[in-house]
Amino acid sequence: MKYVEDRPRYDDPEVAARRLMELARAIEPVQDGRIHIEKINYPFLFQDRAKPAEYGACLKFAIERGWLWMHESGTYVKITPQGAELFA
């Protein structure tokens, strides 16, 4: 008997980062391409049911690959040209 449905597995940071990029792309930027971090972390953590460690790893992966740029305050991110090429 199974009471809980399976959640997506985000063990691979690249798979998780691509999902994070999909979420970021779906958000309407507020100013100068800014996407508030809570607009992507809420759906990733609570709707996709990812673990906080998976979220941190995929965010770090996306920033290291140059797909996202994060402001030093950590309050918002921007999709970079390399990140935009993922959806071209």
PDB file of N, CA and C in Angstrom:
ATOM      1  N   MET A   1       0.832  -1.153   0.000  1.00  0.00           N
ATOM      2  CA  MET A   1       0.000   0.000   0.000  1.00  0.00           C
ATOM      3  C   MET A   1       0.894   1.240   0.000  1.00  0.00           C
ATOM      4  N   LYS A   2       0.547   2.195  -0.849  1.00  0.00           N
ATOM      5  CA  LYS A   2       1.366   3.387  -0.987  1.00  0.00           C
ATOM      6  C   LYS A   2       0.492   4.618  -0.754  1.00  0.00           C
ATOM      7  N   TYR A   3       0.824   5.407   0.261  1.00  0.00           N
ATOM      8  CA  TYR A   3       0.022   6.566   0.604  1.00  0.00           C
ATOM      9  C   TYR A   3       0.590   7.874   0.040  1.00  0.00           C
ATOM     10  N   VAL A   4       1.854   7.874  -0.258  1.00  0.00           N
ATOM     11  CA  VAL A   4       2.510   9.075  -0.755  1.00  0.00           C
ATOM     12  C   VAL A   4       3.030   8.794  -2.151  1.00  0.00           C
ATOM     13  N   GLU A   5       2.747   9.714  -3.057  1.00  0.00           N
ATOM     14  CA  GLU A   5       3.261   9.525  -4.406  1.00  0.00           C
ATOM     15  C   GLU A   5       4.740   9.894  -4.450  1.00  0.00           C
ATOM     16  N   ASP A   6       5.432   9.322  -5.410  1.00  0.00           N
ATOM     17  CA  ASP A   6       6.864   9.570  -5.540  1.00  0.00           C
ATOM     18  C   ASP A   6       7.119  11.026  -5.902  1.00  0.00           C
ATOM     19  N   ARG A   7       8.190  11.564  -5.364  1.00  0.00           N
ATOM     20  CA  ARG A   7       8.599  12.919  -5.711  1.00  0.00           C
ATOM     21  C   ARG A   7       9.732  12.818  -6.730  1.00  0.00           C
ATOM     22  N   PRO A   8       9.937  13.872  -7.521  1.00  0.00           N
ATOM     23  CA  PRO A   8      11.063  13.839  -8.458  1.00  0.00           C
ATOM     24  C   PRO A   8      12.378  13.691  -7.710  1.00  0.00           C
ATOM     25  N   ARG A   9      13.307  12.988  -8.300  1.00  0.00           N
ATOM     26  CA  ARG A   9      14.625  12.813  -7.685  1.00  0.00           C
ATOM     27  C   ARG A   9      15.565  13.851  -8.252  1.00  0.00           C
ATOM     28  N   TYR A  10      16.151  14.617  -7.389  1.00  0.00           N
ATOM     29  CA  TYR A  10      17.088  15.650  -7.797  1.00  0.00           C
ATOM     30  C   TYR A  10      18.480  15.360  -7.250  1.00  0.00           C
ATOM     31  N   ASP A  11      18.871  14.087  -7.274  1.00  0.00           N
ATOM     32  CA  ASP A  11      20.211  13.712  -6.821  1.00  0.00           C
ATOM     33  C   ASP A  11      21.286  14.291  -7.723  1.00  0.00           C
ATOM     34  N   ASP A  12      20.979  14.397  -9.012  1.00  0.00           N
ATOM     35  CA  ASP A  12      21.916  14.953  -9.980  1.00  0.00           C
ATOM     36  C   ASP A  12      21.721  16.472 -10.022  1.00  0.00           C
ATOM     37  N   PRO A  13      22.724  17.258  -9.634  1.00  0.00           N
ATOM     38  CA  PRO A  13      22.569  18.712  -9.604  1.00  0.00           C
ATOM     39  C   PRO A  13      22.228  19.310 -10.966  1.00  0.00           C
ATOM     40  N   GLU A  14      22.694  18.707 -12.052  1.00  0.00           N
ATOM     41  CA  GLU A  14      22.392  19.265 -13.371  1.00  0.00           C
ATOM     42  C   GLU A  14      20.907  19.125 -13.696  1.00  0.00           C
ATOM     43  N   VAL A  15      20.332  17.986 -13.381  1.00  0.00           N
ATOM     44  CA  VAL A  15      18.890  17.778 -13.609  1.00  0.00           C
ATOM     45  C   VAL A  15      18.088  18.765 -12.772  1.00  0.00           C
ATOM     46  N   ALA A  16      18.476  18.917 -11.517  1.00  0.00           N
ATOM     47  CA  ALA A  16      17.791  19.845 -10.628  1.00  0.00           C
ATOM     48  C   ALA A  16      17.968  21.292 -11.093  1.00  0.00           C
ATOM     49  N   ALA A  17      19.165  21.638 -11.558  1.00  0.00           N
ATOM     50  CA  ALA A  17      19.422  23.001 -12.029  1.00  0.00           C
ATOM     51  C   ALA A  17      18.606  23.311 -13.278  1.00  0.00           C
ATOM     52  N   ARG A  18      18.446  22.345 -14.148  1.00  0.00           N
ATOM     53  CA  ARG A  18      17.611  22.560 -15.337  1.00  0.00           C
ATOM     54  C   ARG A  18      16.150  22.795 -14.939  1.00  0.00           C
ATOM     55  N   ARG A  19      15.675  22.076 -13.935  1.00  0.00           N
ATOM     56  CA  ARG A  19      14.312  22.299 -13.437  1.00  0.00           C
ATOM     57  C   ARG A  19      14.202  23.685 -12.811  1.00  0.00           C
ATOM     58  N   LEU A  20      15.213  24.089 -12.062  1.00  0.00           N
ATOM     59  CA  LEU A  20      15.229  25.417 -11.462  1.00  0.00           C
ATOM     60  C   LEU A  20      15.196  26.495 -12.544  1.00  0.00           C
ATOM     61  N   MET A  21      15.919  26.262 -13.632  1.00  0.00           N
ATOM     62  CA  MET A  21      15.925  27.212 -14.745  1.00  0.00           C
ATOM     63  C   MET A  21      14.548  27.290 -15.409  1.00  0.00           C
ATOM     64  N   GLU A  22      13.863  26.162 -15.503  1.00  0.00           N
ATOM     65  CA  GLU A  22      12.497  26.171 -16.048  1.00  0.00           C
ATOM     66  C   GLU A  22      11.585  27.030 -15.177  1.00  0.00           C
ATOM     67  N   LEU A  23      11.721  26.884 -13.874  1.00  0.00           N
ATOM     68  CA  LEU A  23      10.921  27.690 -12.952  1.00  0.00           C
ATOM     69  C   LEU A  23      11.264  29.169 -13.078  1.00  0.00           C
ATOM     70  N   ALA A  24      12.548  29.478 -13.159  1.00  0.00           N
ATOM     71  CA  ALA A  24      12.981  30.877 -13.275  1.00  0.00           C
ATOM     72  C   ALA A  24      12.494  31.492 -14.581  1.00  0.00           C
ATOM     73  N   ARG A  25      12.514  30.723 -15.621  1.00  0.00           N
ATOM     74  CA  ARG A  25      12.066  31.219 -16.930  1.00  0.00           C
ATOM     75  C   ARG A  25      10.571  31.531 -16.925  1.00  0.00           C
ATOM     76  N   ALA A  26       9.802  30.800 -16.145  1.00  0.00           N
ATOM     77  CA  ALA A  26       8.353  30.989 -16.095  1.00  0.00           C
ATOM     78  C   ALA A  26       7.943  32.221 -15.284  1.00  0.00           C
ATOM     79  N   ILE A  27       8.873  32.782 -14.526  1.00  0.00           N
ATOM     80  CA  ILE A  27       8.577  33.943 -13.670  1.00  0.00           C
ATOM     81  C   ILE A  27       8.742  35.228 -14.470  1.00  0.00           C
ATOM     82  N   GLU A  28       7.834  36.145 -14.273  1.00  0.00           N
ATOM     83  CA  GLU A  28       7.925  37.473 -14.892  1.00  0.00           C
ATOM     84  C   GLU A  28       8.926  38.308 -14.084  1.00  0.00           C
ATOM     85  N   PRO A  29      10.048  38.705 -14.706  1.00  0.00           N
ATOM     86  CA  PRO A  29      11.020  39.531 -13.974  1.00  0.00           C
ATOM     87  C   PRO A  29      10.401  40.857 -13.560  1.00  0.00           C
ATOM     88  N   VAL A  30      10.800  41.363 -12.387  1.00  0.00           N
ATOM     89  CA  VAL A  30      10.194  42.584 -11.873  1.00  0.00           C
ATOM     90  C   VAL A  30      10.887  43.852 -12.358  1.00  0.00           C
ATOM     91  N   GLN A  31      12.198  43.874 -12.419  1.00  0.00           N
ATOM     92  CA  GLN A  31      12.926  45.076 -12.796  1.00  0.00           C
ATOM     93  C   GLN A  31      14.319  44.661 -13.257  1.00  0.00           C
ATOM     94  N   ASP A  32      14.727  45.112 -14.406  1.00  0.00           N
ATOM     95  CA  ASP A  32      16.055  44.798 -14.940  1.00  0.00           C
ATOM     96  C   ASP A  32      16.319  43.297 -14.992  1.00  0.00           C
ATOM     97  N   GLY A  33      15.306  42.506 -15.221  1.00  0.00           N
ATOM     98  CA  GLY A  33      15.479  41.061 -15.304  1.00  0.00           C
ATOM     99  C   GLY A  33      15.602  40.368 -13.959  1.00  0.00           C
ATOM    100  N   ARG A  34      15.274  41.057 -12.886  1.00  0.00           N
ATOM    101  CA  ARG A  34      15.396  40.481 -11.542  1.00  0.00           C
ATOM    102  C   ARG A  34      14.260  39.501 -11.259  1.00  0.00           C
ATOM    103  N   ILE A  35      14.634  38.369 -10.699  1.00  0.00           N
ATOM    104  CA  ILE A  35      13.666  37.374 -10.265  1.00  0.00           C
ATOM    105  C   ILE A  35      13.918  37.153  -8.780  1.00  0.00           C
ATOM    106  N   HIS A  36      12.936  37.478  -7.973  1.00  0.00           N
ATOM    107  CA  HIS A  36      13.093  37.292  -6.532  1.00  0.00           C
ATOM    108  C   HIS A  36      13.293  35.811  -6.231  1.00  0.00           C
ATOM    109  N   ILE A  37      14.251  35.526  -5.384  1.00  0.00           N
ATOM    110  CA  ILE A  37      14.656  34.152  -5.104  1.00  0.00           C
ATOM    111  C   ILE A  37      13.506  33.309  -4.552  1.00  0.00           C
ATOM    112  N   GLU A  38      12.612  33.931  -3.784  1.00  0.00           N
ATOM    113  CA  GLU A  38      11.499  33.156  -3.231  1.00  0.00           C
ATOM    114  C   GLU A  38      10.515  32.698  -4.294  1.00  0.00           C
ATOM    115  N   LYS A  39      10.536  33.353  -5.449  1.00  0.00           N
ATOM    116  CA  LYS A  39       9.656  32.955  -6.547  1.00  0.00           C
ATOM    117  C   LYS A  39      10.092  31.641  -7.187  1.00  0.00           C
ATOM    118  N   ILE A  40      11.374  31.292  -7.031  1.00  0.00           N
ATOM    119  CA  ILE A  40      11.822  30.004  -7.558  1.00  0.00           C
ATOM    120  C   ILE A  40      12.046  28.974  -6.468  1.00  0.00           C
ATOM    121  N   ASN A  41      12.382  29.419  -5.257  1.00  0.00           N
ATOM    122  CA  ASN A  41      12.624  28.404  -4.227  1.00  0.00           C
ATOM    123  C   ASN A  41      11.333  27.809  -3.684  1.00  0.00           C
ATOM    124  N   TYR A  42      10.251  28.580  -3.630  1.00  0.00           N
ATOM    125  CA  TYR A  42       8.997  28.014  -3.139  1.00  0.00           C
ATOM    126  C   TYR A  42       8.497  26.868  -4.016  1.00  0.00           C
ATOM    127  N   PRO A  43       8.341  27.060  -5.325  1.00  0.00           N
ATOM    128  CA  PRO A  43       7.850  25.932  -6.123  1.00  0.00           C
ATOM    129  C   PRO A  43       8.812  24.747  -6.137  1.00  0.00           C
ATOM    130  N   PHE A  44      10.106  25.032  -6.109  1.00  0.00           N
ATOM    131  CA  PHE A  44      11.075  23.941  -6.145  1.00  0.00           C
ATOM    132  C   PHE A  44      11.033  23.124  -4.858  1.00  0.00           C
ATOM    133  N   LEU A  45      10.943  23.802  -3.726  1.00  0.00           N
ATOM    134  CA  LEU A  45      10.960  23.101  -2.440  1.00  0.00           C
ATOM    135  C   LEU A  45       9.600  22.521  -2.039  1.00  0.00           C
ATOM    136  N   PHE A  46       8.525  23.238  -2.316  1.00  0.00           N
ATOM    137  CA  PHE A  46       7.236  22.811  -1.793  1.00  0.00           C
ATOM    138  C   PHE A  46       6.318  22.162  -2.825  1.00  0.00           C
ATOM    139  N   GLN A  47       6.399  22.582  -4.070  1.00  0.00           N
ATOM    140  CA  GLN A  47       5.572  21.933  -5.090  1.00  0.00           C
ATOM    141  C   GLN A  47       6.288  20.719  -5.673  1.00  0.00           C
ATOM    142  N   ASP A  48       7.575  20.863  -5.976  1.00  0.00           N
ATOM    143  CA  ASP A  48       8.355  19.735  -6.485  1.00  0.00           C
ATOM    144  C   ASP A  48       8.852  18.839  -5.350  1.00  0.00           C
ATOM    145  N   ARG A  49       8.755  19.325  -4.127  1.00  0.00           N
ATOM    146  CA  ARG A  49       9.155  18.598  -2.919  1.00  0.00           C
ATOM    147  C   ARG A  49      10.623  18.193  -2.926  1.00  0.00           C
ATOM    148  N   ALA A  50      11.469  19.099  -3.373  1.00  0.00           N
ATOM    149  CA  ALA A  50      12.909  18.856  -3.323  1.00  0.00           C
ATOM    150  C   ALA A  50      13.400  19.095  -1.900  1.00  0.00           C
ATOM    151  N   LYS A  51      14.509  18.507  -1.586  1.00  0.00           N
ATOM    152  CA  LYS A  51      15.118  18.703  -0.270  1.00  0.00           C
ATOM    153  C   LYS A  51      15.930  19.997  -0.291  1.00  0.00           C
ATOM    154  N   PRO A  52      16.078  20.664   0.849  1.00  0.00           N
ATOM    155  CA  PRO A  52      16.875  21.890   0.886  1.00  0.00           C
ATOM    156  C   PRO A  52      18.309  21.698   0.384  1.00  0.00           C
ATOM    157  N   ALA A  53      18.919  20.564   0.674  1.00  0.00           N
ATOM    158  CA  ALA A  53      20.278  20.308   0.192  1.00  0.00           C
ATOM    159  C   ALA A  53      20.304  20.208  -1.334  1.00  0.00           C
ATOM    160  N   GLU A  54      19.269  19.616  -1.915  1.00  0.00           N
ATOM    161  CA  GLU A  54      19.185  19.516  -3.383  1.00  0.00           C
ATOM    162  C   GLU A  54      19.004  20.897  -3.990  1.00  0.00           C
ATOM    163  N   TYR A  55      18.199  21.736  -3.340  1.00  0.00           N
ATOM    164  CA  TYR A  55      17.997  23.108  -3.811  1.00  0.00           C
ATOM    165  C   TYR A  55      19.313  23.883  -3.789  1.00  0.00           C
ATOM    166  N   GLY A  56      20.028  23.786  -2.684  1.00  0.00           N
ATOM    167  CA  GLY A  56      21.305  24.489  -2.569  1.00  0.00           C
ATOM    168  C   GLY A  56      22.312  24.020  -3.600  1.00  0.00           C
ATOM    169  N   ALA A  57      22.364  22.720  -3.828  1.00  0.00           N
ATOM    170  CA  ALA A  57      23.314  22.167  -4.800  1.00  0.00           C
ATOM    171  C   ALA A  57      22.972  22.608  -6.215  1.00  0.00           C
ATOM    172  N   CYS A  58      21.685  22.611  -6.549  1.00  0.00           N
ATOM    173  CA  CYS A  58      21.320  22.976  -7.923  1.00  0.00           C
ATOM    174  C   CYS A  58      21.487  24.474  -8.155  1.00  0.00           C
ATOM    175  N   LEU A  59      21.208  25.284  -7.151  1.00  0.00           N
ATOM    176  CA  LEU A  59      21.413  26.725  -7.286  1.00  0.00           C
ATOM    177  C   LEU A  59      22.898  27.031  -7.474  1.00  0.00           C
ATOM    178  N   LYS A  60      23.734  26.391  -6.687  1.00  0.00           N
ATOM    179  CA  LYS A  60      25.189  26.558  -6.812  1.00  0.00           C
ATOM    180  C   LYS A  60      25.655  26.105  -8.201  1.00  0.00           C
ATOM    181  N   PHE A  61      25.121  24.973  -8.679  1.00  0.00           N
ATOM    182  CA  PHE A  61      25.479  24.446  -9.991  1.00  0.00           C
ATOM    183  C   PHE A  61      25.108  25.446 -11.090  1.00  0.00           C
ATOM    184  N   ALA A  62      23.895  25.997 -11.022  1.00  0.00           N
ATOM    185  CA  ALA A  62      23.437  26.949 -12.045  1.00  0.00           C
ATOM    186  C   ALA A  62      24.284  28.217 -12.043  1.00  0.00           C
ATOM    187  N   ILE A  63      24.693  28.662 -10.876  1.00  0.00           N
ATOM    188  CA  ILE A  63      25.530  29.862 -10.789  1.00  0.00           C
ATOM    189  C   ILE A  63      26.929  29.567 -11.313  1.00  0.00           C
ATOM    190  N   GLU A  64      27.481  28.415 -10.947  1.00  0.00           N
ATOM    191  CA  GLU A  64      28.824  28.054 -11.420  1.00  0.00           C
ATOM    192  C   GLU A  64      28.858  27.866 -12.934  1.00  0.00           C
ATOM    193  N   ARG A  65      27.799  27.332 -13.510  1.00  0.00           N
ATOM    194  CA  ARG A  65      27.725  27.150 -14.963  1.00  0.00           C
ATOM    195  C   ARG A  65      27.462  28.459 -15.694  1.00  0.00           C
ATOM    196  N   GLY A  66      27.108  29.491 -14.955  1.00  0.00           N
ATOM    197  CA  GLY A  66      26.840  30.782 -15.574  1.00  0.00           C
ATOM    198  C   GLY A  66      25.424  30.904 -16.108  1.00  0.00           C
ATOM    199  N   TRP A  67      24.528  30.044 -15.660  1.00  0.00           N
ATOM    200  CA  TRP A  67      23.135  30.102 -16.105  1.00  0.00           C
ATOM    201  C   TRP A  67      22.351  31.158 -15.347  1.00  0.00           C
ATOM    202  N   LEU A  68      22.707  31.343 -14.084  1.00  0.00           N
ATOM    203  CA  LEU A  68      22.070  32.340 -13.227  1.00  0.00           C
ATOM    204  C   LEU A  68      23.135  33.233 -12.622  1.00  0.00           C
ATOM    205  N   TRP A  69      22.772  34.452 -12.386  1.00  0.00           N
ATOM    206  CA  TRP A  69      23.612  35.382 -11.637  1.00  0.00           C
ATOM    207  C   TRP A  69      22.830  35.753 -10.388  1.00  0.00           C
ATOM    208  N   MET A  70      23.466  35.637  -9.222  1.00  0.00           N
ATOM    209  CA  MET A  70      22.806  35.970  -7.965  1.00  0.00           C
ATOM    210  C   MET A  70      23.407  37.240  -7.387  1.00  0.00           C
ATOM    211  N   HIS A  71      22.544  38.122  -6.954  1.00  0.00           N
ATOM    212  CA  HIS A  71      22.986  39.344  -6.301  1.00  0.00           C
ATOM    213  C   HIS A  71      23.667  38.983  -4.987  1.00  0.00           C
ATOM    214  N   GLU A  72      24.629  39.798  -4.587  1.00  0.00           N
ATOM    215  CA  GLU A  72      25.394  39.502  -3.369  1.00  0.00           C
ATOM    216  C   GLU A  72      24.522  39.423  -2.121  1.00  0.00           C
ATOM    217  N   SER A  73      23.360  40.054  -2.136  1.00  0.00           N
ATOM    218  CA  SER A  73      22.456  39.978  -0.984  1.00  0.00           C
ATOM    219  C   SER A  73      21.697  38.654  -0.951  1.00  0.00           C
ATOM    220  N   GLY A  74      21.642  37.960  -2.082  1.00  0.00           N
ATOM    221  CA  GLY A  74      20.929  36.691  -2.160  1.00  0.00           C
ATOM    222  C   GLY A  74      19.432  36.845  -2.323  1.00  0.00           C
ATOM    223  N   THR A  75      18.963  38.064  -2.564  1.00  0.00           N
ATOM    224  CA  THR A  75      17.519  38.281  -2.656  1.00  0.00           C
ATOM    225  C   THR A  75      16.946  38.085  -4.053  1.00  0.00           C
ATOM    226  N   TYR A  76      17.795  38.166  -5.066  1.00  0.00           N
ATOM    227  CA  TYR A  76      17.286  37.945  -6.412  1.00  0.00           C
ATOM    228  C   TYR A  76      18.362  37.359  -7.314  1.00  0.00           C
ATOM    229  N   VAL A  77      17.904  36.785  -8.420  1.00  0.00           N
ATOM    230  CA  VAL A  77      18.781  36.228  -9.442  1.00  0.00           C
ATOM    231  C   VAL A  77      18.380  36.806 -10.789  1.00  0.00           C
ATOM    232  N   LYS A  78      19.267  36.659 -11.743  1.00  0.00           N
ATOM    233  CA  LYS A  78      18.979  37.025 -13.128  1.00  0.00           C
ATOM    234  C   LYS A  78      19.407  35.871 -14.018  1.00  0.00           C
ATOM    235  N   ILE A  79      18.637  35.638 -15.057  1.00  0.00           N
ATOM    236  CA  ILE A  79      19.018  34.622 -16.034  1.00  0.00           C
ATOM    237  C   ILE A  79      20.049  35.253 -16.970  1.00  0.00           C
ATOM    238  N   THR A  80      21.183  34.610 -17.106  1.00  0.00           N
ATOM    239  CA  THR A  80      22.258  35.116 -17.957  1.00  0.00           C
ATOM    240  C   THR A  80      22.013  34.699 -19.410  1.00  0.00           C
ATOM    241  N   PRO A  81      22.773  35.252 -20.347  1.00  0.00           N
ATOM    242  CA  PRO A  81      22.640  34.812 -21.739  1.00  0.00           C
ATOM    243  C   PRO A  81      22.893  33.311 -21.913  1.00  0.00           C
ATOM    244  N   GLN A  82      23.853  32.747 -21.150  1.00  0.00           N
ATOM    245  CA  GLN A  82      24.095  31.297 -21.223  1.00  0.00           C
ATOM    246  C   GLN A  82      22.873  30.522 -20.723  1.00  0.00           C
ATOM    247  N   GLY A  83      22.215  31.038 -19.699  1.00  0.00           N
ATOM    248  CA  GLY A  83      21.014  30.400 -19.179  1.00  0.00           C
ATOM    249  C   GLY A  83      19.858  30.491 -20.160  1.00  0.00           C
ATOM    250  N   ALA A  84      19.773  31.610 -20.858  1.00  0.00           N
ATOM    251  CA  ALA A  84      18.715  31.791 -21.846  1.00  0.00           C
ATOM    252  C   ALA A  84      18.901  30.856 -23.037  1.00  0.00           C
ATOM    253  N   GLU A  85      20.168  30.506 -23.344  1.00  0.00           N
ATOM    254  CA  GLU A  85      20.448  29.596 -24.453  1.00  0.00           C
ATOM    255  C   GLU A  85      19.914  28.189 -24.180  1.00  0.00           C
ATOM    256  N   LEU A  86      19.696  27.823 -22.934  1.00  0.00           N
ATOM    257  CA  LEU A  86      19.155  26.507 -22.608  1.00  0.00           C
ATOM    258  C   LEU A  86      17.772  26.325 -23.208  1.00  0.00           C
ATOM    259  N   PHE A  87      17.049  27.425 -23.398  1.00  0.00           N
ATOM    260  CA  PHE A  87      15.679  27.357 -23.879  1.00  0.00           C
ATOM    261  C   PHE A  87      15.526  27.831 -25.321  1.00  0.00           C
ATOM    262  N   ALA A  88      16.637  28.051 -25.983  1.00  0.00           N
ATOM    263  CA  ALA A  88      16.588  28.529 -27.375  1.00  0.00           C
ATOM    264  C   ALA A  88      16.318  27.399 -28.339  1.00  0.00           C
TER     265      ALA A  88
END
